[in-house]
PDB file of N, CA and C in Angstrom:
ATOM      1  N   MET A   1     107.539 105.940 122.239  1.00  0.00           N
ATOM      2  CA  MET A   1     106.281 106.403 121.727  1.00  0.00           C
ATOM      3  C   MET A   1     105.775 105.516 120.589  1.00  0.00           C
ATOM      4  N   PHE A   2     106.658 105.134 119.682  1.00  0.00           N
ATOM      5  CA  PHE A   2     106.217 104.336 118.546  1.00  0.00           C
ATOM      6  C   PHE A   2     105.762 102.949 118.974  1.00  0.00           C
ATOM      7  N   GLN A   3     106.321 102.441 120.055  1.00  0.00           N
ATOM      8  CA  GLN A   3     105.874 101.153 120.555  1.00  0.00           C
ATOM      9  C   GLN A   3     104.439 101.257 121.064  1.00  0.00           C
ATOM     10  N   ALA A   4     104.092 102.365 121.708  1.00  0.00           N
ATOM     11  CA  ALA A   4     102.722 102.564 122.176  1.00  0.00           C
ATOM     12  C   ALA A   4     101.752 102.632 121.006  1.00  0.00           C
ATOM     13  N   VAL A   5     102.140 103.296 119.931  1.00  0.00           N
ATOM     14  CA  VAL A   5     101.284 103.383 118.745  1.00  0.00           C
ATOM     15  C   VAL A   5     101.094 101.998 118.135  1.00  0.00           C
ATOM     16  N   ALA A   6     102.158 101.205 118.079  1.00  0.00           N
ATOM     17  CA  ALA A   6     102.059  99.856 117.524  1.00  0.00           C
ATOM     18  C   ALA A   6     101.126  98.992 118.364  1.00  0.00           C
ATOM     19  N   LYS A   7     101.192  99.123 119.678  1.00  0.00           N
ATOM     20  CA  LYS A   7     100.293  98.353 120.556  1.00  0.00           C
ATOM     21  C   LYS A   7      98.846  98.795 120.378  1.00  0.00           C
ATOM     22  N   LEU A   8      98.629 100.098 120.216  1.00  0.00           N
ATOM     23  CA  LEU A   8      97.268 100.585 119.980  1.00  0.00           C
ATOM     24  C   LEU A   8      96.711 100.040 118.680  1.00  0.00           C
ATOM     25  N   ARG A   9      97.521 100.012 117.647  1.00  0.00           N
ATOM     26  CA  ARG A   9      97.060  99.471 116.366  1.00  0.00           C
ATOM     27  C   ARG A   9      96.675  98.011 116.499  1.00  0.00           C
ATOM     28  N   LEU A  10      97.460  97.235 117.234  1.00  0.00           N
ATOM     29  CA  LEU A  10      97.148  95.829 117.425  1.00  0.00           C
ATOM     30  C   LEU A  10      95.839  95.673 118.191  1.00  0.00           C
ATOM     31  N   ASN A  11      95.627  96.467 119.224  1.00  0.00           N
ATOM     32  CA  ASN A  11      94.402  96.372 120.008  1.00  0.00           C
ATOM     33  C   ASN A  11      93.178  96.815 119.227  1.00  0.00           C
ATOM     34  N   VAL A  12      93.352  97.719 118.292  1.00  0.00           N
ATOM     35  CA  VAL A  12      92.237  98.231 117.501  1.00  0.00           C
ATOM     36  C   VAL A  12      91.672  97.149 116.577  1.00  0.00           C
ATOM     37  N   LEU A  13      92.458  96.162 116.241  1.00  0.00           N
ATOM     38  CA  LEU A  13      91.981  95.105 115.353  1.00  0.00           C
ATOM     39  C   LEU A  13      90.759  94.389 115.915  1.00  0.00           C
ATOM     40  N   PHE A  14      90.579  94.427 117.203  1.00  0.00           N
ATOM     41  CA  PHE A  14      89.483  93.705 117.830  1.00  0.00           C
ATOM     42  C   PHE A  14      88.372  94.633 118.306  1.00  0.00           C
ATOM     43  N   ALA A  15      88.348  95.846 117.827  1.00  0.00           N
ATOM     44  CA  ALA A  15      87.354  96.825 118.270  1.00  0.00           C
ATOM     45  C   ALA A  15      86.367  97.120 117.145  1.00  0.00           C
ATOM     46  N   GLY A  16      85.117  96.809 117.345  1.00  0.00           N
ATOM     47  CA  GLY A  16      84.078  97.179 116.387  1.00  0.00           C
ATOM     48  C   GLY A  16      84.090  96.337 115.128  1.00  0.00           C
ATOM     49  N   SER A  17      84.583  96.899 114.052  1.00  0.00           N
ATOM     50  CA  SER A  17      84.604  96.209 112.772  1.00  0.00           C
ATOM     51  C   SER A  17      85.974  96.358 112.126  1.00  0.00           C
ATOM     52  N   MET A  18      86.185  95.634 111.056  1.00  0.00           N
ATOM     53  CA  MET A  18      87.458  95.737 110.351  1.00  0.00           C
ATOM     54  C   MET A  18      87.623  97.119 109.719  1.00  0.00           C
ATOM     55  N   GLU A  19      86.538  97.678 109.217  1.00  0.00           N
ATOM     56  CA  GLU A  19      86.612  99.006 108.613  1.00  0.00           C
ATOM     57  C   GLU A  19      86.961 100.062 109.662  1.00  0.00           C
ATOM     58  N   GLY A  20      86.337  99.966 110.824  1.00  0.00           N
ATOM     59  CA  GLY A  20      86.642 100.907 111.900  1.00  0.00           C
ATOM     60  C   GLY A  20      88.072 100.770 112.390  1.00  0.00           C
ATOM     61  N   ALA A  21      88.544  99.537 112.480  1.00  0.00           N
ATOM     62  CA  ALA A  21      89.920  99.299 112.910  1.00  0.00           C
ATOM     63  C   ALA A  21      90.912  99.862 111.893  1.00  0.00           C
ATOM     64  N   HIS A  22      90.600  99.707 110.620  1.00  0.00           N
ATOM     65  CA  HIS A  22      91.485 100.245 109.579  1.00  0.00           C
ATOM     66  C   HIS A  22      91.536 101.768 109.654  1.00  0.00           C
ATOM     67  N   ARG A  23      90.379 102.400 109.798  1.00  0.00           N
ATOM     68  CA  ARG A  23      90.343 103.862 109.889  1.00  0.00           C
ATOM     69  C   ARG A  23      91.092 104.361 111.116  1.00  0.00           C
ATOM     70  N   ASP A  24      90.941 103.666 112.226  1.00  0.00           N
ATOM     71  CA  ASP A  24      91.645 104.068 113.447  1.00  0.00           C
ATOM     72  C   ASP A  24      93.152 103.902 113.283  1.00  0.00           C
ATOM     73  N   GLY A  25      93.564 102.829 112.646  1.00  0.00           N
ATOM     74  CA  GLY A  25      94.984 102.618 112.399  1.00  0.00           C
ATOM     75  C   GLY A  25      95.587 103.691 111.507  1.00  0.00           C
ATOM     76  N   VAL A  26      94.844 104.093 110.491  1.00  0.00           N
ATOM     77  CA  VAL A  26      95.313 105.161 109.605  1.00  0.00           C
ATOM     78  C   VAL A  26      95.438 106.465 110.377  1.00  0.00           C
ATOM     79  N   LEU A  27      94.419 106.777 111.174  1.00  0.00           N
ATOM     80  CA  LEU A  27      94.460 108.019 111.958  1.00  0.00           C
ATOM     81  C   LEU A  27      95.611 108.007 112.961  1.00  0.00           C
ATOM     82  N   LEU A  28      95.840 106.876 113.611  1.00  0.00           N
ATOM     83  CA  LEU A  28      96.962 106.785 114.554  1.00  0.00           C
ATOM     84  C   LEU A  28      98.300 106.968 113.839  1.00  0.00           C
ATOM     85  N   GLY A  29      98.428 106.426 112.644  1.00  0.00           N
ATOM     86  CA  GLY A  29      99.662 106.602 111.882  1.00  0.00           C
ATOM     87  C   GLY A  29      99.905 108.048 111.508  1.00  0.00           C
ATOM     88  N   ILE A  30      98.838 108.739 111.101  1.00  0.00           N
ATOM     89  CA  ILE A  30      98.964 110.150 110.747  1.00  0.00           C
ATOM     90  C   ILE A  30      99.358 110.965 111.970  1.00  0.00           C
ATOM     91  N   VAL A  31      98.699 110.715 113.092  1.00  0.00           N
ATOM     92  CA  VAL A  31      99.001 111.464 114.321  1.00  0.00           C
ATOM     93  C   VAL A  31     100.431 111.197 114.780  1.00  0.00           C
ATOM     94  N   ALA A  32     100.884 109.949 114.710  1.00  0.00           N
ATOM     95  CA  ALA A  32     102.254 109.626 115.118  1.00  0.00           C
ATOM     96  C   ALA A  32     103.276 110.316 114.218  1.00  0.00           C
ATOM     97  N   THR A  33     102.993 110.372 112.924  1.00  0.00           N
ATOM     98  CA  THR A  33     103.903 111.036 111.993  1.00  0.00           C
ATOM     99  C   THR A  33     103.959 112.529 112.272  1.00  0.00           C
ATOM    100  N   TRP A  34     102.791 113.147 112.452  1.00  0.00           N
ATOM    101  CA  TRP A  34     102.759 114.581 112.766  1.00  0.00           C
ATOM    102  C   TRP A  34     103.514 114.871 114.052  1.00  0.00           C
ATOM    103  N   SER A  35     103.323 114.035 115.070  1.00  0.00           N
ATOM    104  CA  SER A  35     104.025 114.242 116.340  1.00  0.00           C
ATOM    105  C   SER A  35     105.533 114.132 116.166  1.00  0.00           C
ATOM    106  N   ALA A  36     105.961 113.175 115.364  1.00  0.00           N
ATOM    107  CA  ALA A  36     107.397 112.957 115.166  1.00  0.00           C
ATOM    108  C   ALA A  36     108.068 114.127 114.452  1.00  0.00           C
ATOM    109  N   ILE A  37     107.344 114.797 113.560  1.00  0.00           N
ATOM    110  CA  ILE A  37     107.957 115.904 112.825  1.00  0.00           C
ATOM    111  C   ILE A  37     107.644 117.261 113.447  1.00  0.00           C
ATOM    112  N   GLY A  38     106.918 117.257 114.557  1.00  0.00           N
ATOM    113  CA  GLY A  38     106.703 118.491 115.300  1.00  0.00           C
ATOM    114  C   GLY A  38     105.520 119.332 114.864  1.00  0.00           C
ATOM    115  N   VAL A  39     104.551 118.729 114.206  1.00  0.00           N
ATOM    116  CA  VAL A  39     103.356 119.451 113.774  1.00  0.00           C
ATOM    117  C   VAL A  39     102.358 119.491 114.928  1.00  0.00           C
ATOM    118  N   ALA A  40     101.619 120.584 115.057  1.00  0.00           N
ATOM    119  CA  ALA A  40     100.591 120.717 116.098  1.00  0.00           C
ATOM    120  C   ALA A  40      99.400 119.826 115.723  1.00  0.00           C
ATOM    121  N   VAL A  41      99.336 118.656 116.332  1.00  0.00           N
ATOM    122  CA  VAL A  41      98.343 117.645 115.966  1.00  0.00           C
ATOM    123  C   VAL A  41      96.925 118.140 116.224  1.00  0.00           C
ATOM    124  N   GLN A  42      96.667 118.690 117.388  1.00  0.00           N
ATOM    125  CA  GLN A  42      95.317 119.129 117.720  1.00  0.00           C
ATOM    126  C   GLN A  42      94.835 120.221 116.770  1.00  0.00           C
ATOM    127  N   ALA A  43      95.704 121.137 116.419  1.00  0.00           N
ATOM    128  CA  ALA A  43      95.324 122.213 115.493  1.00  0.00           C
ATOM    129  C   ALA A  43      94.996 121.654 114.112  1.00  0.00           C
ATOM    130  N   CYS A  44      95.785 120.710 113.633  1.00  0.00           N
ATOM    131  CA  CYS A  44      95.524 120.127 112.315  1.00  0.00           C
ATOM    132  C   CYS A  44      94.233 119.318 112.297  1.00  0.00           C
ATOM    133  N   LEU A  45      93.994 118.525 113.337  1.00  0.00           N
ATOM    134  CA  LEU A  45      92.756 117.739 113.397  1.00  0.00           C
ATOM    135  C   LEU A  45      91.538 118.635 113.528  1.00  0.00           C
ATOM    136  N   THR A  46      91.649 119.699 114.321  1.00  0.00           N
ATOM    137  CA  THR A  46      90.541 120.640 114.450  1.00  0.00           C
ATOM    138  C   THR A  46      90.236 121.272 113.104  1.00  0.00           C
ATOM    139  N   TRP A  47      91.255 121.700 112.405  1.00  0.00           N
ATOM    140  CA  TRP A  47      91.080 122.297 111.081  1.00  0.00           C
ATOM    141  C   TRP A  47      90.388 121.327 110.130  1.00  0.00           C
ATOM    142  N   ALA A  48      90.848 120.075 110.102  1.00  0.00           N
ATOM    143  CA  ALA A  48      90.291 119.092 109.174  1.00  0.00           C
ATOM    144  C   ALA A  48      88.847 118.738 109.526  1.00  0.00           C
ATOM    145  N   PHE A  49      88.563 118.499 110.801  1.00  0.00           N
ATOM    146  CA  PHE A  49      87.217 118.072 111.183  1.00  0.00           C
ATOM    147  C   PHE A  49      86.203 119.197 111.051  1.00  0.00           C
ATOM    148  N   GLU A  50      86.625 120.427 111.231  1.00  0.00           N
ATOM    149  CA  GLU A  50      85.706 121.549 111.010  1.00  0.00           C
ATOM    150  C   GLU A  50      85.294 121.618 109.548  1.00  0.00           C
ATOM    151  N   ARG A  51      86.216 121.378 108.646  1.00  0.00           N
ATOM    152  CA  ARG A  51      85.888 121.432 107.235  1.00  0.00           C
ATOM    153  C   ARG A  51      85.093 120.220 106.778  1.00  0.00           C
ATOM    154  N   LEU A  52      85.370 119.044 107.340  1.00  0.00           N
ATOM    155  CA  LEU A  52      84.574 117.870 107.004  1.00  0.00           C
ATOM    156  C   LEU A  52      83.125 118.050 107.439  1.00  0.00           C
ATOM    157  N   GLY A  53      82.922 118.670 108.587  1.00  0.00           N
ATOM    158  CA  GLY A  53      81.572 118.870 109.099  1.00  0.00           C
ATOM    159  C   GLY A  53      80.759 119.837 108.267  1.00  0.00           C
ATOM    160  N   THR A  54      81.412 120.708 107.509  1.00  0.00           N
ATOM    161  CA  THR A  54      80.681 121.684 106.711  1.00  0.00           C
ATOM    162  C   THR A  54      80.514 121.243 105.265  1.00  0.00           C
ATOM    163  N   ARG A  55      81.033 120.075 104.906  1.00  0.00           N
ATOM    164  CA  ARG A  55      80.960 119.614 103.516  1.00  0.00           C
ATOM    165  C   ARG A  55      80.153 118.326 103.404  1.00  0.00           C
ATOM    166  N   ARG A  56      78.992 118.283 104.016  1.00  0.00           N
ATOM    167  CA  ARG A  56      78.180 117.064 103.971  1.00  0.00           C
ATOM    168  C   ARG A  56      77.757 116.690 102.557  1.00  0.00           C
ATOM    169  N   ASP A  57      77.592 117.683 101.682  1.00  0.00           N
ATOM    170  CA  ASP A  57      77.209 117.387 100.313  1.00  0.00           C
ATOM    171  C   ASP A  57      78.310 116.602  99.584  1.00  0.00           C
ATOM    172  N   VAL A  58      79.545 116.820  99.954  1.00  0.00           N
ATOM    173  CA  VAL A  58      80.663 116.135  99.304  1.00  0.00           C
ATOM    174  C   VAL A  58      80.967 114.805  99.986  1.00  0.00           C
ATOM    175  N   PHE A  59      80.938 114.784 101.323  1.00  0.00           N
ATOM    176  CA  PHE A  59      81.368 113.617 102.072  1.00  0.00           C
ATOM    177  C   PHE A  59      80.222 112.764 102.610  1.00  0.00           C
ATOM    178  N   ALA A  60      79.000 113.027 102.200  1.00  0.00           N
ATOM    179  CA  ALA A  60      77.850 112.270 102.684  1.00  0.00           C
ATOM    180  C   ALA A  60      77.947 110.825 102.216  1.00  0.00           C
ATOM    181  N   LEU A  61      77.552 109.912 103.104  1.00  0.00           N
ATOM    182  CA  LEU A  61      77.541 108.492 102.770  1.00  0.00           C
ATOM    183  C   LEU A  61      76.251 108.153 102.041  1.00  0.00           C
ATOM    184  N   SER A  62      76.361 107.465 100.940  1.00  0.00           N
ATOM    185  CA  SER A  62      75.160 107.037 100.234  1.00  0.00           C
ATOM    186  C   SER A  62      74.772 105.653 100.730  1.00  0.00           C
ATOM    187  N   VAL A  63      73.525 105.499 101.097  1.00  0.00           N
ATOM    188  CA  VAL A  63      73.054 104.196 101.609  1.00  0.00           C
ATOM    189  C   VAL A  63      72.094 103.547 100.668  1.00  0.00           C
TER     190      VAL A  63
END
């Protein structure tokens, strides 16, 4: 499993932008860690993304 995650991280370097690749690599690392310790990944991501979506005043990007 960890070899698949490492290959995904390498492939992500060429997708979109460097910032997007970095964010994807971080997310893949978090998901791999949660999977390794037995945490329900989908439940945790659902919980986090629901709260991010309701906090636009805090997490809004300034342009």
